[in-house]
Protein backbone atom coordinates (compact mmCIF):
# COMPACT_ATOMS: atom_id res chain seq x y z
CA MET A 1 20.55 -20.31 -15.56
CA SER A 2 19.57 -16.69 -14.75
CA LYS A 3 20.63 -15.35 -11.39
CA VAL A 4 17.64 -14.15 -9.34
CA SER A 5 17.56 -11.41 -6.64
CA CYS A 6 14.56 -10.79 -4.56
CA ILE A 7 14.13 -7.31 -2.90
CA VAL A 8 11.91 -7.62 0.14
CA LEU A 9 10.25 -4.26 1.46
CA ALA A 10 10.12 -4.10 5.37
CA ALA A 11 10.63 -0.52 5.95
CA GLY A 12 6.96 0.39 6.55
CA ALA A 13 5.17 1.50 9.82
CA GLY A 14 2.07 0.40 11.66
CA ARG A 15 0.06 3.69 11.53
CA ARG A 16 -3.06 1.96 10.03
CA MET A 17 -2.50 -0.94 12.24
CA GLY A 18 -2.55 1.15 15.23
CA HIS A 19 1.00 0.01 16.32
CA GLU A 20 3.79 2.24 17.26
CA GLU A 21 6.34 -0.19 15.87
CA ASN A 22 6.63 -1.73 12.46
CA LYS A 23 3.76 -4.03 11.81
CA ILE A 24 6.01 -6.66 10.06
CA PHE A 25 7.07 -7.69 13.78
CA ILE A 26 3.30 -8.52 14.57
CA LYS A 27 3.06 -12.33 15.43
CA LEU A 28 0.86 -14.54 13.42
CA GLY A 29 1.11 -17.69 15.65
CA SER A 30 4.64 -19.02 15.91
CA LYS A 31 6.15 -16.49 13.45
CA SER A 32 5.99 -12.76 12.83
CA ILE A 33 4.74 -11.42 9.54
CA ILE A 34 8.20 -10.92 8.15
CA GLN A 35 9.27 -14.34 9.35
CA TRP A 36 6.51 -16.04 7.35
CA THR A 37 7.45 -13.97 4.31
CA LEU A 38 11.06 -14.93 4.54
CA SER A 39 10.21 -18.58 5.24
CA HIS A 40 8.19 -18.76 2.13
CA ILE A 41 10.97 -17.07 0.02
CA ASN A 42 13.57 -19.50 1.43
CA GLN A 43 11.56 -22.33 -0.17
CA VAL A 44 11.95 -20.88 -3.72
CA LYS A 45 14.73 -22.81 -5.27
CA ASP A 46 15.51 -20.25 -8.03
CA ILE A 47 15.99 -17.10 -5.77
CA ASP A 48 19.68 -16.74 -5.20
CA GLU A 49 19.92 -13.75 -2.91
CA VAL A 50 17.49 -11.68 -0.73
CA ILE A 51 17.84 -7.96 -0.14
CA LEU A 52 15.67 -7.07 2.85
CA VAL A 53 15.12 -3.22 3.16
CA VAL A 54 14.47 -2.16 6.70
CA ALA A 55 13.43 1.07 8.40
CA ASP A 56 16.02 3.34 9.81
CA GLY A 57 17.46 2.06 13.08
CA GLU A 58 15.77 -1.39 12.67
CA ALA A 59 18.50 -3.32 11.02
CA SER A 60 20.08 -4.86 14.33
CA TYR A 61 16.67 -5.92 15.70
CA MET A 62 15.62 -7.24 12.37
CA ASN A 63 18.78 -9.36 12.11
CA GLN A 64 18.16 -10.70 15.68
CA HIS A 65 14.59 -11.28 14.72
CA ILE A 66 15.23 -13.61 11.77
CA GLU A 67 18.29 -15.36 13.08
CA SER A 68 16.15 -18.01 14.62
CA LEU A 69 14.64 -19.10 11.24
CA GLN A 70 17.99 -20.66 10.33
CA LEU A 71 17.37 -19.83 6.58
CA SER A 72 19.34 -21.53 3.96
CA LYS A 73 19.49 -18.37 1.81
CA SER A 74 21.67 -15.42 3.05
CA ILE A 75 19.80 -12.21 3.86
CA GLN A 76 21.39 -8.80 3.17
CA ILE A 77 19.83 -6.10 5.27
CA ILE A 78 19.86 -2.60 4.14
CA GLN A 79 18.29 0.54 5.07
CA GLY A 80 15.28 1.86 3.11
CA GLY A 81 14.15 5.45 2.16
CA LYS A 82 11.37 7.85 2.88
CA GLU A 83 8.91 6.34 0.13
CA ARG A 84 8.39 2.78 -0.96
CA GLN A 85 9.93 3.66 -4.39
CA ASP A 86 13.04 4.92 -2.47
CA SER A 87 13.44 1.64 -0.59
CA VAL A 88 13.22 -0.13 -3.82
CA TYR A 89 15.81 1.92 -5.43
CA ALA A 90 18.01 1.27 -2.39
CA GLY A 91 17.54 -2.44 -2.94
CA LEU A 92 18.46 -2.07 -6.58
CA GLN A 93 21.84 -0.67 -5.65
CA ALA A 94 22.53 -3.67 -3.26
CA ILE A 95 21.99 -6.55 -5.81
CA SER A 96 24.77 -8.61 -7.22
CA ASP A 97 26.36 -7.37 -10.57
CA ASP A 98 25.57 -10.87 -12.06
CA THR A 99 21.94 -10.68 -11.27
CA ASP A 100 19.71 -11.14 -14.44
CA ILE A 101 16.19 -11.17 -12.79
CA ILE A 102 14.83 -8.99 -9.97
CA LEU A 103 11.75 -9.67 -7.79
CA VAL A 104 10.17 -7.17 -5.53
CA HIS A 105 7.96 -8.23 -2.82
CA ASP A 106 6.17 -6.61 0.11
CA GLY A 107 7.27 -7.96 3.37
CA ALA A 108 3.72 -7.46 4.65
CA ARG A 109 2.43 -10.19 2.38
CA PRO A 110 3.16 -13.34 4.41
CA LEU A 111 0.83 -15.68 2.44
CA ALA A 112 2.66 -15.43 -0.92
CA LYS A 113 3.25 -19.12 -1.69
CA PRO A 114 6.68 -20.34 -3.19
CA GLU A 115 4.72 -21.23 -6.41
CA LEU A 116 3.90 -17.61 -6.95
CA PHE A 117 7.50 -16.43 -6.84
CA GLN A 118 8.48 -19.28 -9.15
CA SER A 119 5.67 -18.29 -11.68
CA VAL A 120 6.90 -14.58 -11.61
CA ILE A 121 10.43 -15.66 -12.20
CA GLU A 122 9.50 -17.67 -15.25
CA GLY A 123 7.21 -14.90 -16.41
CA ALA A 124 10.05 -12.33 -16.09
CA ARG A 125 12.35 -14.50 -18.30
CA ILE A 126 9.69 -14.62 -21.03
CA HIS A 127 8.11 -11.14 -20.82
CA GLY A 128 10.63 -8.85 -19.22
CA ALA A 129 8.23 -7.25 -16.67
CA VAL A 130 5.38 -9.19 -14.96
CA THR A 131 3.13 -8.93 -11.86
CA ILE A 132 0.49 -11.19 -10.37
CA GLY A 133 -3.15 -10.12 -9.91
CA VAL A 134 -6.52 -11.24 -9.29
CA PRO A 135 -9.74 -10.23 -10.91
CA SER A 136 -11.67 -7.52 -8.87
CA THR A 137 -14.80 -8.94 -7.16
CA ASP A 138 -16.14 -5.49 -6.35
CA THR A 139 -17.76 -2.87 -8.64
CA ILE A 140 -15.32 0.09 -8.89
CA LYS A 141 -16.55 3.47 -9.58
CA ARG A 142 -14.41 6.61 -10.70
CA VAL A 143 -15.49 9.73 -8.55
CA ASP A 144 -14.49 13.24 -8.47
CA ILE A 145 -13.10 15.09 -5.46
CA ASP A 146 -16.60 15.81 -4.01
CA GLY A 147 -17.46 11.99 -4.16
CA GLN A 148 -19.80 12.39 -7.19
CA VAL A 149 -19.75 9.29 -9.54
CA LEU A 150 -18.11 9.93 -12.90
CA GLU A 151 -18.46 6.50 -14.32
CA THR A 152 -18.74 2.85 -13.33
CA LEU A 153 -15.75 0.95 -14.62
CA ASN A 154 -15.95 -2.34 -16.44
CA ARG A 155 -15.13 -4.95 -13.73
CA ASN A 156 -14.07 -7.51 -16.44
CA GLU A 157 -11.09 -5.04 -17.11
CA LEU A 158 -9.93 -4.67 -13.55
CA MET A 159 -7.38 -6.51 -11.62
CA ASN A 160 -6.22 -6.13 -7.99
CA ILE A 161 -2.52 -6.29 -8.32
CA GLN A 162 -0.16 -8.03 -5.75
CA THR A 163 3.52 -8.94 -5.31
CA PRO A 164 5.95 -10.31 -6.02
CA GLN A 165 6.62 -8.49 -9.28
CA GLY A 166 9.36 -9.57 -11.69
CA PHE A 167 11.68 -7.95 -14.08
CA LEU A 168 14.78 -8.34 -16.40
CA LYS A 169 17.44 -6.38 -14.72
CA ASP A 170 18.10 -3.97 -17.62
CA ILE A 171 14.27 -3.20 -17.97
CA PHE A 172 14.07 -2.49 -14.19
CA LYS A 173 17.08 -0.34 -13.99
CA GLU A 174 15.84 1.72 -16.83
CA ALA A 175 12.51 2.17 -15.22
CA GLN A 176 13.84 3.15 -11.85
CA GLU A 177 16.54 5.54 -13.21
CA THR A 178 13.97 7.34 -15.41
CA ALA A 179 11.45 7.67 -12.60
CA LYS A 180 14.07 9.16 -10.40
CA ARG A 181 15.38 11.54 -12.98
CA ASP A 182 11.70 12.60 -13.77
CA ALA A 183 10.57 12.57 -10.13
CA TYR A 184 7.92 10.26 -11.02
CA LEU A 185 6.19 8.29 -8.22
CA GLY A 186 4.36 5.14 -9.19
CA THR A 187 1.91 3.10 -6.85
CA ASP A 188 3.82 -0.05 -7.63
CA ASP A 189 6.97 -1.18 -9.50
CA VAL A 190 5.52 -2.33 -12.80
CA SER A 191 3.94 1.12 -13.07
CA LEU A 192 7.50 2.55 -13.61
CA VAL A 193 8.00 0.12 -16.57
CA GLU A 194 4.60 1.34 -18.04
CA TYR A 195 5.93 4.94 -17.50
CA ILE A 196 8.90 4.05 -19.92
CA GLY A 197 6.50 2.60 -22.40
CA LYS A 198 7.36 -1.09 -22.01
CA ASP A 199 4.85 -3.78 -21.86
CA VAL A 200 3.80 -5.38 -18.55
CA TYR A 201 2.07 -8.78 -18.27
CA ILE A 202 -0.31 -9.88 -15.42
CA LEU A 203 -0.12 -13.56 -14.28
CA ASP A 204 -2.53 -15.33 -11.94
CA GLY A 205 -2.28 -14.25 -8.39
CA ASP A 206 -3.93 -15.68 -5.30
CA TYR A 207 -6.82 -14.22 -3.23
CA GLU A 208 -5.11 -15.46 -0.10
CA ASN A 209 -2.01 -13.34 -0.89
CA ILE A 210 -3.22 -10.41 1.14
CA LYS A 211 -1.19 -7.44 2.26
CA VAL A 212 -1.56 -7.08 6.15
CA THR A 213 -2.49 -3.53 6.54
CA THR A 214 -5.41 -3.34 8.93
CA PRO A 215 -6.21 -5.22 12.33
CA ASN A 216 -8.90 -7.20 10.42
CA ASP A 217 -6.13 -8.50 8.02
CA ILE A 218 -4.39 -10.18 11.11
CA ALA A 219 -7.53 -12.32 11.67
CA VAL A 220 -7.77 -13.18 7.96
CA ALA A 221 -4.13 -14.12 7.68
CA LYS A 222 -4.29 -16.32 10.84
CA ARG A 223 -7.31 -18.08 9.21
CA TYR A 224 -5.47 -18.67 6.03
CA LEU A 225 -2.43 -19.86 7.80
CA GLY A 226 -4.62 -22.30 9.91
CA ILE A 227 -3.78 -20.71 13.16
CA LYS A 228 -5.89 -21.34 16.20
CA GLU A 229 -6.95 -18.21 18.21
CA GLN A 230 -4.81 -17.50 21.44
CA ARG A 231 -5.82 -18.02 25.02
CA MET A 232 -4.56 -15.57 27.41
CA ARG A 233 -3.25 -16.20 30.95
CA VAL A 234 -2.44 -13.48 33.66
CA GLY A 235 0.35 -13.65 36.23
CA TYR A 236 1.38 -11.48 39.12
CA GLY A 237 4.82 -11.16 40.71
CA TYR A 238 6.13 -9.45 43.82
CA ASP A 239 9.61 -9.05 45.33
CA ILE A 240 11.25 -6.86 48.10
CA HIS A 241 14.85 -6.67 49.00
CA GLN A 242 16.73 -4.71 51.82
CA LEU A 243 18.90 -1.93 50.72
CA LYS A 244 22.45 -2.09 51.89
CA GLU A 245 25.43 0.19 51.65
CA GLY A 246 28.12 -0.88 49.08
CA ARG A 247 25.82 -3.16 47.19
CA PRO A 248 25.65 -2.58 43.39
CA CYS A 249 22.36 -1.16 42.47
CA ILE A 250 21.05 -3.23 39.41
CA LEU A 251 17.40 -2.80 38.25
CA GLY A 252 16.04 -3.97 34.94
CA GLY A 253 19.59 -5.08 34.02
CA VAL A 254 20.90 -1.70 34.27
CA HIS A 255 23.62 -0.71 36.71
CA ILE A 256 22.67 2.47 38.38
CA GLU A 257 25.15 4.66 40.19
CA SER A 258 23.88 4.66 43.96
CA PRO A 259 25.55 4.46 47.30
CA ILE A 260 23.14 1.78 48.23
CA GLY A 261 21.66 -1.22 46.33
CA PRO A 262 19.36 -4.20 46.85
CA ASP A 263 20.90 -6.98 49.00
CA GLY A 264 20.50 -10.66 47.89
CA HIS A 265 22.02 -13.85 46.87
CA SER A 266 22.10 -13.00 43.20
CA ASP A 267 22.34 -9.44 41.84
CA ALA A 268 19.13 -8.81 43.72
CA ASP A 269 17.50 -7.23 40.64
CA VAL A 270 14.09 -6.79 42.32
CA LEU A 271 12.48 -5.65 39.12
CA ILE A 272 13.54 -8.67 37.20
CA HIS A 273 12.73 -11.08 40.11
CA ALA A 274 9.05 -9.74 40.36
CA LEU A 275 8.83 -10.14 36.43
CA MET A 276 10.02 -13.66 36.49
CA ASP A 277 7.64 -14.69 39.32
CA ALA A 278 4.74 -13.09 37.29
CA LEU A 279 5.77 -15.02 34.07
CA LEU A 280 6.04 -18.27 36.11
CA GLY A 281 2.69 -17.69 37.68
CA ALA A 282 0.98 -17.13 34.40
CA ALA A 283 2.46 -20.42 33.19
CA GLY A 284 1.33 -22.31 36.21
CA LEU A 285 4.90 -23.12 37.18
CA LYS A 286 6.65 -22.90 40.53
CA ASP A 287 8.27 -19.65 41.84
CA ILE A 288 11.71 -18.40 41.32
CA GLY A 289 12.98 -19.82 44.60
CA TYR A 290 12.44 -23.18 43.30
CA TYR A 291 14.25 -22.95 40.00
CA PHE A 292 17.09 -20.67 41.63
CA PRO A 293 17.55 -21.56 45.20
CA PRO A 294 19.29 -18.91 47.29
CA GLU A 295 21.44 -21.76 48.92
CA ASP A 296 22.79 -22.77 45.60
CA ASP A 297 26.24 -21.14 45.06
CA ALA A 298 25.75 -21.52 41.34
CA TYR A 299 23.49 -18.44 41.49
CA LYS A 300 25.61 -16.26 43.74
CA GLY A 301 25.93 -13.00 42.24
CA ILE A 302 24.45 -14.12 39.02
CA SER A 303 22.98 -11.61 36.62
CA SER A 304 19.06 -11.76 36.88
CA MET A 305 19.03 -11.19 33.15
CA ILE A 306 20.56 -14.70 32.71
CA LEU A 307 17.74 -16.11 34.91
CA LEU A 308 15.05 -14.23 32.94
CA LYS A 309 16.37 -15.94 29.79
CA HIS A 310 15.98 -19.25 31.56
CA VAL A 311 12.46 -18.34 32.70
CA ASN A 312 11.53 -17.39 29.19
CA SER A 313 12.72 -20.84 27.94
CA LEU A 314 10.56 -22.57 30.47
CA LEU A 315 7.57 -20.67 29.12
CA LYS A 316 8.37 -21.59 25.54
CA GLU A 317 8.53 -25.28 26.62
CA GLN A 318 4.94 -24.86 27.65
CA GLY A 319 4.00 -23.25 24.31
CA LEU A 320 3.68 -19.88 26.01
CA GLU A 321 5.05 -16.41 25.22
CA ALA A 322 4.79 -13.07 26.94
CA TYR A 323 2.40 -10.59 25.33
CA ASN A 324 2.67 -7.55 27.54
CA ILE A 325 4.35 -6.47 30.84
CA ASP A 326 3.40 -3.98 33.46
CA ILE A 327 6.02 -3.38 36.35
CA MET A 328 5.91 -1.01 39.18
CA VAL A 329 9.02 -0.38 41.26
CA ILE A 330 8.38 1.08 44.85
CA SER A 331 11.32 2.92 46.37
CA GLU A 332 12.60 6.30 47.78
CA THR A 333 15.75 5.84 45.88
CA PRO A 334 17.39 5.67 43.21
CA LYS A 335 15.56 7.67 40.43
CA LEU A 336 14.54 5.33 37.73
CA LYS A 337 13.25 7.70 35.02
CA PRO A 338 16.56 8.21 33.09
CA HIS A 339 17.05 4.48 32.93
CA ILE A 340 13.60 3.16 32.04
CA ASP A 341 14.12 3.16 28.23
CA THR A 342 17.22 1.11 28.72
CA MET A 343 15.44 -1.26 31.16
CA LYS A 344 12.63 -1.69 28.56
CA ALA A 345 15.13 -2.41 25.82
CA ASN A 346 16.71 -5.12 28.00
CA LEU A 347 13.46 -6.84 28.49
CA GLN A 348 12.75 -6.64 24.74
CA ALA A 349 15.93 -8.26 23.84
CA VAL A 350 15.17 -11.44 26.08
CA LEU A 351 11.43 -11.64 25.72
CA ASP A 352 11.24 -10.57 21.99
CA ILE A 353 8.02 -8.33 22.40
CA PRO A 354 7.42 -4.83 21.00
CA LEU A 355 8.43 -1.91 23.34
CA ASP A 356 4.91 -0.58 23.31
CA ARG A 357 3.82 -3.73 25.28
CA ILE A 358 6.45 -3.10 28.08
CA SER A 359 5.65 -0.74 30.79
CA ILE A 360 7.93 0.14 33.65
CA LYS A 361 7.00 2.77 36.28
CA ALA A 362 8.32 4.00 39.49
CA THR A 363 6.63 5.35 42.77
CA THR A 364 7.67 6.14 46.29
CA ASN A 365 6.17 4.97 49.37
CA GLU A 366 5.61 8.52 50.65
CA MET A 367 8.29 8.00 53.29
CA LEU A 368 6.07 5.55 55.04
CA GLY A 369 7.33 2.05 56.47
CA ALA A 370 10.71 0.49 55.69
CA ILE A 371 10.74 1.43 52.11
CA GLY A 372 9.91 5.05 53.06
CA ARG A 373 12.95 4.96 55.38
CA ARG A 374 15.02 3.81 52.49
CA GLU A 375 15.55 0.35 54.08
CA GLY A 376 14.11 -1.47 51.28
CA ILE A 377 12.92 -1.60 47.58
CA ALA A 378 10.01 -3.60 46.19
CA ALA A 379 8.54 -4.21 42.73
CA GLN A 380 5.26 -5.61 41.48
CA ALA A 381 4.76 -7.13 37.99
CA VAL A 382 1.68 -8.03 36.03
CA VAL A 383 2.02 -10.02 32.73
CA SER A 384 -0.19 -11.56 30.19
CA VAL A 385 1.01 -14.51 28.30
CA TYR A 386 -0.63 -16.39 25.30
CA GLU A 387 -1.01 -20.02 24.55
CA GLY A 388 -2.61 -22.16 21.89
CA GLU A 389 -1.32 -20.64 18.70
CA VAL A 390 0.14 -23.02 16.36
């Protein structure tokens, strides 16, 4: 039996989606786009290894992102290149030497069913190079640079091409190496095989196998997956602590050099405390004093990041997850600006939401009141959480 390697491309961006981060981390119900994609690939019995090609700097986060899936297949994560074709070439270098058949699939196609992969594997064994596609349902016109119609193409001869695409290894390597040598850039992988003059065959695709590219595609993908629309809840949290000399100053899980710090039973991380109360409030649960009583020595000096993980677990038990966070810290000291990015990264690691949905700001009390006299530090947090997706 031929050994099959599947290269999954996940090194794109979210520009057309309007996201700062990679679109493959967008949630579709209980899983992100890439989690749905890998879950379906995991069900394909003939795939022996998966090469996941990710963007520069995303390998560690991607690894954390897919650990919870508990996949039976091992996933090798590698860094991609500038263009899609460069990422495919990087994936090719990472496959096992004894691979016979190579599949290439877009990570942003989370609806590709296991049967499609199996069909492509069998087609590649027979034909050497195959893709899947569906007949075009639109009239296609060829136009010039000014938009003038040059001709109307015969719709019966037009196919919308999808992935996965499959190849015998020798054919695929020859096509990739030739394209690299000639600086030829194809729009998909089988076009490189066409470039070296070898035949490509098209197998039946699936109209549901969409590539998630625009915001409208999110709604379509959810409908195909049978995901019910989310309902939003909002929570508000507030906390205040005295500032005391000699106390460690820990805010947002970051230890900040300061002669004074918040005083309290735990590490007194006022930022995290306000956030936890906001999350618990949105979930309709009790406040942090109920779950982590100050008279309980088990919580004496404990890191509030540990408590935040517990609060997040309480939300998940309710079928809820944080969507966005807005936190304001009110204090004359210390200066938070140099530490905000690290604080946001700490919250992302626990709550698993994109950085562009986390805001941490700081302001002073204009030297008014106890906070203005540097006797205290306060924080306010507003969060939204979602429920109802399955």
